[in-house]
Amino acid sequence: MEEFEKPALTENEFAAKLSPTSLHITGGSLIEFWYADGEMFWGHSVGLTSFNGLALTDVHVEMFG
Protein backbone atom coordinates (compact mmCIF):
# COMPACT_ATOMS: atom_id res chain seq x y z
CA MET A 1 0.00 0.00 0.00
CA GLU A 2 1.07 3.55 -0.69
CA GLU A 3 -0.14 6.60 1.21
CA PHE A 4 -1.97 9.15 -0.93
CA GLU A 5 -3.10 12.65 -0.06
CA LYS A 6 -4.80 15.11 -2.39
CA PRO A 7 -3.12 18.54 -2.60
CA ALA A 8 -4.51 21.41 -0.53
CA LEU A 9 -6.76 23.83 -2.41
CA THR A 10 -7.18 27.55 -1.99
CA GLU A 11 -10.62 28.81 -0.98
CA ASN A 12 -11.32 29.87 -4.58
CA GLU A 13 -10.19 26.50 -6.01
CA PHE A 14 -12.42 24.67 -3.52
CA ALA A 15 -15.47 26.81 -4.35
CA ALA A 16 -14.87 26.43 -8.11
CA LYS A 17 -15.04 22.61 -7.83
CA LEU A 18 -18.48 22.61 -6.15
CA SER A 19 -21.48 22.39 -8.51
CA PRO A 20 -25.00 23.06 -7.18
CA THR A 21 -27.35 20.10 -7.66
CA SER A 22 -30.45 21.01 -5.64
CA LEU A 23 -32.11 23.57 -3.41
CA HIS A 24 -34.87 22.72 -0.93
CA ILE A 25 -36.88 25.34 0.97
CA THR A 26 -39.22 24.30 3.77
CA GLY A 27 -41.33 26.94 5.50
CA GLY A 28 -39.77 30.28 6.26
CA SER A 29 -36.56 29.16 7.91
CA LEU A 30 -35.22 25.83 6.58
CA ILE A 31 -33.06 25.93 3.45
CA GLU A 32 -30.90 23.10 2.07
CA PHE A 33 -28.24 23.49 -0.61
CA TRP A 34 -26.65 20.36 -2.17
CA TYR A 35 -23.53 20.29 -4.31
CA ALA A 36 -21.56 17.76 -6.36
CA ASP A 37 -18.04 17.65 -4.97
CA GLY A 38 -16.02 17.77 -8.21
CA GLU A 39 -14.33 14.51 -7.09
CA MET A 40 -12.65 16.29 -4.16
CA PHE A 41 -14.22 13.74 -1.78
CA TRP A 42 -14.36 10.77 -4.15
CA GLY A 43 -17.85 11.49 -5.49
CA HIS A 44 -19.74 12.35 -2.32
CA SER A 45 -22.41 15.06 -2.22
CA VAL A 46 -21.91 18.05 0.07
CA GLY A 47 -24.96 19.50 1.82
CA LEU A 48 -25.49 22.72 3.72
CA THR A 49 -28.64 23.18 5.83
CA SER A 50 -29.57 26.60 7.22
CA PHE A 51 -32.04 26.52 10.10
CA ASN A 52 -32.62 30.28 10.06
CA GLY A 53 -33.17 31.00 6.37
CA LEU A 54 -30.86 33.27 4.42
CA ALA A 55 -29.18 34.56 7.59
CA LEU A 56 -26.97 31.43 7.36
CA THR A 57 -25.76 31.75 10.96
CA ASP A 58 -27.25 28.45 12.23
CA VAL A 59 -25.82 26.04 9.64
CA HIS A 60 -25.10 22.29 9.45
CA VAL A 61 -22.75 20.92 6.76
CA GLU A 62 -22.58 17.23 5.80
CA MET A 63 -21.33 14.79 3.18
CA PHE A 64 -23.45 11.99 1.74
CA GLY A 65 -22.66 9.03 -0.45
PDB file of N, CA and C in Angstrom:
ATOM      1  N   MET A   1       0.834  -1.158   0.000  1.00  0.00           N
ATOM      2  CA  MET A   1       0.000   0.000   0.000  1.00  0.00           C
ATOM      3  C   MET A   1       0.887   1.231   0.000  1.00  0.00           C
ATOM      4  N   GLU A   2       0.361   2.280  -0.620  1.00  0.00           N
ATOM      5  CA  GLU A   2       1.066   3.548  -0.692  1.00  0.00           C
ATOM      6  C   GLU A   2       0.146   4.649  -0.196  1.00  0.00           C
ATOM      7  N   GLU A   3       0.660   5.499   0.674  1.00  0.00           N
ATOM      8  CA  GLU A   3      -0.140   6.597   1.211  1.00  0.00           C
ATOM      9  C   GLU A   3      -0.370   7.644   0.124  1.00  0.00           C
ATOM     10  N   PHE A   4      -1.612   8.161   0.080  1.00  0.00           N
ATOM     11  CA  PHE A   4      -1.974   9.153  -0.927  1.00  0.00           C
ATOM     12  C   PHE A   4      -2.740  10.278  -0.267  1.00  0.00           C
ATOM     13  N   GLU A   5      -2.386  11.492  -0.586  1.00  0.00           N
ATOM     14  CA  GLU A   5      -3.104  12.650  -0.062  1.00  0.00           C
ATOM     15  C   GLU A   5      -3.302  13.648  -1.195  1.00  0.00           C
ATOM     16  N   LYS A   6      -4.532  14.109  -1.356  1.00  0.00           N
ATOM     17  CA  LYS A   6      -4.800  15.108  -2.390  1.00  0.00           C
ATOM     18  C   LYS A   6      -4.192  16.442  -1.968  1.00  0.00           C
ATOM     19  N   PRO A   7      -3.748  17.246  -2.940  1.00  0.00           N
ATOM     20  CA  PRO A   7      -3.122  18.539  -2.595  1.00  0.00           C
ATOM     21  C   PRO A   7      -4.135  19.517  -1.997  1.00  0.00           C
ATOM     22  N   ALA A   8      -3.655  20.382  -1.133  1.00  0.00           N
ATOM     23  CA  ALA A   8      -4.513  21.410  -0.529  1.00  0.00           C
ATOM     24  C   ALA A   8      -4.960  22.399  -1.600  1.00  0.00           C
ATOM     25  N   LEU A   9      -6.197  22.869  -1.478  1.00  0.00           N
ATOM     26  CA  LEU A   9      -6.759  23.833  -2.414  1.00  0.00           C
ATOM     27  C   LEU A   9      -6.909  25.182  -1.732  1.00  0.00           C
ATOM     28  N   THR A  10      -6.857  26.228  -2.529  1.00  0.00           N
ATOM     29  CA  THR A  10      -7.183  27.546  -1.989  1.00  0.00           C
ATOM     30  C   THR A  10      -8.706  27.617  -1.828  1.00  0.00           C
ATOM     31  N   GLU A  11      -9.183  28.625  -1.148  1.00  0.00           N
ATOM     32  CA  GLU A  11     -10.623  28.813  -0.976  1.00  0.00           C
ATOM     33  C   GLU A  11     -11.321  28.942  -2.334  1.00  0.00           C
ATOM     34  N   ASN A  12     -10.728  29.682  -3.245  1.00  0.00           N
ATOM     35  CA  ASN A  12     -11.322  29.866  -4.582  1.00  0.00           C
ATOM     36  C   ASN A  12     -11.325  28.572  -5.387  1.00  0.00           C
ATOM     37  N   GLU A  13     -10.243  27.786  -5.309  1.00  0.00           N
ATOM     38  CA  GLU A  13     -10.189  26.499  -6.014  1.00  0.00           C
ATOM     39  C   GLU A  13     -11.250  25.548  -5.473  1.00  0.00           C
ATOM     40  N   PHE A  14     -11.413  25.523  -4.152  1.00  0.00           N
ATOM     41  CA  PHE A  14     -12.417  24.668  -3.524  1.00  0.00           C
ATOM     42  C   PHE A  14     -13.815  25.056  -4.006  1.00  0.00           C
ATOM     43  N   ALA A  15     -14.147  26.330  -3.944  1.00  0.00           N
ATOM     44  CA  ALA A  15     -15.474  26.813  -4.354  1.00  0.00           C
ATOM     45  C   ALA A  15     -15.731  26.532  -5.830  1.00  0.00           C
ATOM     46  N   ALA A  16     -14.705  26.649  -6.667  1.00  0.00           N
ATOM     47  CA  ALA A  16     -14.872  26.426  -8.111  1.00  0.00           C
ATOM     48  C   ALA A  16     -15.197  24.970  -8.432  1.00  0.00           C
ATOM     49  N   LYS A  17     -14.782  24.034  -7.586  1.00  0.00           N
ATOM     50  CA  LYS A  17     -15.043  22.612  -7.832  1.00  0.00           C
ATOM     51  C   LYS A  17     -16.457  22.187  -7.438  1.00  0.00           C
ATOM     52  N   LEU A  18     -17.127  22.960  -6.577  1.00  0.00           N
ATOM     53  CA  LEU A  18     -18.482  22.613  -6.151  1.00  0.00           C
ATOM     54  C   LEU A  18     -19.491  23.015  -7.225  1.00  0.00           C
ATOM     55  N   SER A  19     -20.419  22.109  -7.529  1.00  0.00           N
ATOM     56  CA  SER A  19     -21.479  22.386  -8.513  1.00  0.00           C
ATOM     57  C   SER A  19     -22.827  22.191  -7.841  1.00  0.00           C
ATOM     58  N   PRO A  20     -23.688  23.216  -7.828  1.00  0.00           N
ATOM     59  CA  PRO A  20     -24.996  23.056  -7.184  1.00  0.00           C
ATOM     60  C   PRO A  20     -25.827  21.998  -7.892  1.00  0.00           C
ATOM     61  N   THR A  21     -26.483  21.144  -7.095  1.00  0.00           N
ATOM     62  CA  THR A  21     -27.348  20.098  -7.658  1.00  0.00           C
ATOM     63  C   THR A  21     -28.800  20.256  -7.237  1.00  0.00           C
ATOM     64  N   SER A  22     -29.050  20.822  -6.047  1.00  0.00           N
ATOM     65  CA  SER A  22     -30.446  21.006  -5.636  1.00  0.00           C
ATOM     66  C   SER A  22     -30.555  22.056  -4.537  1.00  0.00           C
ATOM     67  N   LEU A  23     -31.763  22.589  -4.433  1.00  0.00           N
ATOM     68  CA  LEU A  23     -32.112  23.571  -3.413  1.00  0.00           C
ATOM     69  C   LEU A  23     -33.479  23.195  -2.882  1.00  0.00           C
ATOM     70  N   HIS A  24     -33.594  23.058  -1.560  1.00  0.00           N
ATOM     71  CA  HIS A  24     -34.868  22.718  -0.928  1.00  0.00           C
ATOM     72  C   HIS A  24     -35.200  23.809   0.076  1.00  0.00           C
ATOM     73  N   ILE A  25     -36.420  24.321   0.024  1.00  0.00           N
ATOM     74  CA  ILE A  25     -36.879  25.339   0.970  1.00  0.00           C
ATOM     75  C   ILE A  25     -38.125  24.798   1.655  1.00  0.00           C
ATOM     76  N   THR A  26     -38.102  24.793   2.991  1.00  0.00           N
ATOM     77  CA  THR A  26     -39.223  24.301   3.771  1.00  0.00           C
ATOM     78  C   THR A  26     -39.643  25.382   4.749  1.00  0.00           C
ATOM     79  N   GLY A  27     -40.860  25.877   4.610  1.00  0.00           N
ATOM     80  CA  GLY A  27     -41.330  26.936   5.495  1.00  0.00           C
ATOM     81  C   GLY A  27     -40.532  28.210   5.303  1.00  0.00           C
ATOM     82  N   GLY A  28     -40.454  29.009   6.355  1.00  0.00           N
ATOM     83  CA  GLY A  28     -39.768  30.282   6.257  1.00  0.00           C
ATOM     84  C   GLY A  28     -38.337  30.268   6.757  1.00  0.00           C
ATOM     85  N   SER A  29     -37.888  29.111   7.291  1.00  0.00           N
ATOM     86  CA  SER A  29     -36.565  29.161   7.909  1.00  0.00           C
ATOM     87  C   SER A  29     -35.625  28.009   7.556  1.00  0.00           C
ATOM     88  N   LEU A  30     -36.088  26.963   6.895  1.00  0.00           N
ATOM     89  CA  LEU A  30     -35.218  25.829   6.582  1.00  0.00           C
ATOM     90  C   LEU A  30     -34.860  25.833   5.105  1.00  0.00           C
ATOM     91  N   ILE A  31     -33.554  25.925   4.824  1.00  0.00           N
ATOM     92  CA  ILE A  31     -33.060  25.926   3.446  1.00  0.00           C
ATOM     93  C   ILE A  31     -31.924  24.912   3.347  1.00  0.00           C
ATOM     94  N   GLU A  32     -31.971  24.052   2.327  1.00  0.00           N
ATOM     95  CA  GLU A  32     -30.897  23.097   2.071  1.00  0.00           C
ATOM     96  C   GLU A  32     -30.302  23.337   0.692  1.00  0.00           C
ATOM     97  N   PHE A  33     -28.976  23.388   0.634  1.00  0.00           N
ATOM     98  CA  PHE A  33     -28.239  23.489  -0.615  1.00  0.00           C
ATOM     99  C   PHE A  33     -27.415  22.211  -0.760  1.00  0.00           C
ATOM    100  N   TRP A  34     -27.471  21.554  -1.922  1.00  0.00           N
ATOM    101  CA  TRP A  34     -26.655  20.362  -2.174  1.00  0.00           C
ATOM    102  C   TRP A  34     -25.760  20.606  -3.375  1.00  0.00           C
ATOM    103  N   TYR A  35     -24.542  20.080  -3.279  1.00  0.00           N
ATOM    104  CA  TYR A  35     -23.530  20.291  -4.309  1.00  0.00           C
ATOM    105  C   TYR A  35     -22.848  18.975  -4.675  1.00  0.00           C
ATOM    106  N   ALA A  36     -22.479  18.815  -5.956  1.00  0.00           N
ATOM    107  CA  ALA A  36     -21.565  17.759  -6.364  1.00  0.00           C
ATOM    108  C   ALA A  36     -20.167  18.217  -5.951  1.00  0.00           C
ATOM    109  N   ASP A  37     -19.329  17.283  -5.570  1.00  0.00           N
ATOM    110  CA  ASP A  37     -18.039  17.648  -4.974  1.00  0.00           C
ATOM    111  C   ASP A  37     -16.881  17.801  -5.949  1.00  0.00           C
ATOM    112  N   GLY A  38     -17.109  17.634  -7.252  1.00  0.00           N
ATOM    113  CA  GLY A  38     -16.021  17.772  -8.210  1.00  0.00           C
ATOM    114  C   GLY A  38     -14.906  16.768  -7.969  1.00  0.00           C
ATOM    115  N   GLU A  39     -15.266  15.604  -7.416  1.00  0.00           N
ATOM    116  CA  GLU A  39     -14.329  14.515  -7.091  1.00  0.00           C
ATOM    117  C   GLU A  39     -13.310  14.880  -6.005  1.00  0.00           C
ATOM    118  N   MET A  40     -13.555  15.958  -5.263  1.00  0.00           N
ATOM    119  CA  MET A  40     -12.649  16.292  -4.159  1.00  0.00           C
ATOM    120  C   MET A  40     -12.754  15.254  -3.044  1.00  0.00           C
ATOM    121  N   PHE A  41     -13.960  14.707  -2.851  1.00  0.00           N
ATOM    122  CA  PHE A  41     -14.219  13.740  -1.780  1.00  0.00           C
ATOM    123  C   PHE A  41     -14.689  12.418  -2.371  1.00  0.00           C
ATOM    124  N   TRP A  42     -14.106  12.042  -3.494  1.00  0.00           N
ATOM    125  CA  TRP A  42     -14.355  10.767  -4.146  1.00  0.00           C
ATOM    126  C   TRP A  42     -15.832  10.560  -4.478  1.00  0.00           C
ATOM    127  N   GLY A  43     -16.496  11.602  -4.983  1.00  0.00           N
ATOM    128  CA  GLY A  43     -17.852  11.486  -5.495  1.00  0.00           C
ATOM    129  C   GLY A  43     -18.978  11.666  -4.497  1.00  0.00           C
ATOM    130  N   HIS A  44     -18.687  12.106  -3.299  1.00  0.00           N
ATOM    131  CA  HIS A  44     -19.737  12.349  -2.318  1.00  0.00           C
ATOM    132  C   HIS A  44     -20.465  13.654  -2.643  1.00  0.00           C
ATOM    133  N   SER A  45     -21.675  13.795  -2.130  1.00  0.00           N
ATOM    134  CA  SER A  45     -22.409  15.056  -2.221  1.00  0.00           C
ATOM    135  C   SER A  45     -22.151  15.861  -0.948  1.00  0.00           C
ATOM    136  N   VAL A  46     -22.123  17.165  -1.073  1.00  0.00           N
ATOM    137  CA  VAL A  46     -21.915  18.050   0.071  1.00  0.00           C
ATOM    138  C   VAL A  46     -23.202  18.840   0.284  1.00  0.00           C
ATOM    139  N   GLY A  47     -23.713  18.808   1.508  1.00  0.00           N
ATOM    140  CA  GLY A  47     -24.956  19.504   1.817  1.00  0.00           C
ATOM    141  C   GLY A  47     -24.774  20.557   2.891  1.00  0.00           C
ATOM    142  N   LEU A  48     -25.497  21.641   2.742  1.00  0.00           N
ATOM    143  CA  LEU A  48     -25.494  22.724   3.721  1.00  0.00           C
ATOM    144  C   LEU A  48     -26.953  22.992   4.079  1.00  0.00           C
ATOM    145  N   THR A  49     -27.288  22.913   5.357  1.00  0.00           N
ATOM    146  CA  THR A  49     -28.642  23.184   5.830  1.00  0.00           C
ATOM    147  C   THR A  49     -28.624  24.411   6.729  1.00  0.00           C
ATOM    148  N   SER A  50     -29.435  25.406   6.397  1.00  0.00           N
ATOM    149  CA  SER A  50     -29.572  26.601   7.225  1.00  0.00           C
ATOM    150  C   SER A  50     -30.897  26.494   7.969  1.00  0.00           C
ATOM    151  N   PHE A  51     -30.832  26.614   9.286  1.00  0.00           N
ATOM    152  CA  PHE A  51     -32.035  26.520  10.104  1.00  0.00           C
ATOM    153  C   PHE A  51     -32.666  27.878  10.385  1.00  0.00           C
ATOM    154  N   ASN A  52     -32.037  28.957   9.882  1.00  0.00           N
ATOM    155  CA  ASN A  52     -32.623  30.285  10.062  1.00  0.00           C
ATOM    156  C   ASN A  52     -32.626  31.058   8.740  1.00  0.00           C
ATOM    157  N   GLY A  53     -33.004  30.359   7.672  1.00  0.00           N
ATOM    158  CA  GLY A  53     -33.171  31.000   6.372  1.00  0.00           C
ATOM    159  C   GLY A  53     -31.887  31.553   5.803  1.00  0.00           C
ATOM    160  N   LEU A  54     -32.009  32.677   5.109  1.00  0.00           N
ATOM    161  CA  LEU A  54     -30.865  33.267   4.423  1.00  0.00           C
ATOM    162  C   LEU A  54     -29.860  33.930   5.351  1.00  0.00           C
ATOM    163  N   ALA A  55     -30.159  34.011   6.648  1.00  0.00           N
ATOM    164  CA  ALA A  55     -29.176  34.562   7.588  1.00  0.00           C
ATOM    165  C   ALA A  55     -27.914  33.692   7.625  1.00  0.00           C
ATOM    166  N   LEU A  56     -28.077  32.394   7.425  1.00  0.00           N
ATOM    167  CA  LEU A  56     -26.966  31.430   7.363  1.00  0.00           C
ATOM    168  C   LEU A  56     -26.022  31.512   8.560  1.00  0.00           C
ATOM    169  N   THR A  57     -26.586  31.730   9.756  1.00  0.00           N
ATOM    170  CA  THR A  57     -25.756  31.746  10.957  1.00  0.00           C
ATOM    171  C   THR A  57     -25.943  30.484  11.796  1.00  0.00           C
ATOM    172  N   ASP A  58     -27.008  29.726  11.558  1.00  0.00           N
ATOM    173  CA  ASP A  58     -27.246  28.448  12.226  1.00  0.00           C
ATOM    174  C   ASP A  58     -27.231  27.382  11.133  1.00  0.00           C
ATOM    175  N   VAL A  59     -26.034  26.879  10.826  1.00  0.00           N
ATOM    176  CA  VAL A  59     -25.821  26.040   9.640  1.00  0.00           C
ATOM    177  C   VAL A  59     -25.219  24.685  10.020  1.00  0.00           C
ATOM    178  N   HIS A  60     -25.655  23.644   9.317  1.00  0.00           N
ATOM    179  CA  HIS A  60     -25.102  22.293   9.452  1.00  0.00           C
ATOM    180  C   HIS A  60     -24.584  21.877   8.079  1.00  0.00           C
ATOM    181  N   VAL A  61     -23.347  21.373   8.015  1.00  0.00           N
ATOM    182  CA  VAL A  61     -22.749  20.924   6.756  1.00  0.00           C
ATOM    183  C   VAL A  61     -22.498  19.425   6.864  1.00  0.00           C
ATOM    184  N   GLU A  62     -22.785  18.687   5.781  1.00  0.00           N
ATOM    185  CA  GLU A  62     -22.584  17.233   5.805  1.00  0.00           C
ATOM    186  C   GLU A  62     -22.180  16.717   4.433  1.00  0.00           C
ATOM    187  N   MET A  63     -21.637  15.497   4.422  1.00  0.00           N
ATOM    188  CA  MET A  63     -21.332  14.789   3.182  1.00  0.00           C
ATOM    189  C   MET A  63     -22.190  13.539   3.131  1.00  0.00           C
ATOM    190  N   PHE A  64     -22.607  13.163   1.918  1.00  0.00           N
ATOM    191  CA  PHE A  64     -23.453  11.994   1.735  1.00  0.00           C
ATOM    192  C   PHE A  64     -22.919  11.200   0.553  1.00  0.00           C
ATOM    193  N   GLY A  65     -23.010   9.891   0.668  1.00  0.00           N
ATOM    194  CA  GLY A  65     -22.656   9.033  -0.454  1.00  0.00           C
ATOM    195  C   GLY A  65     -21.502   8.226  -0.176  1.00  0.00           C
TER     196      GLY A  65
END
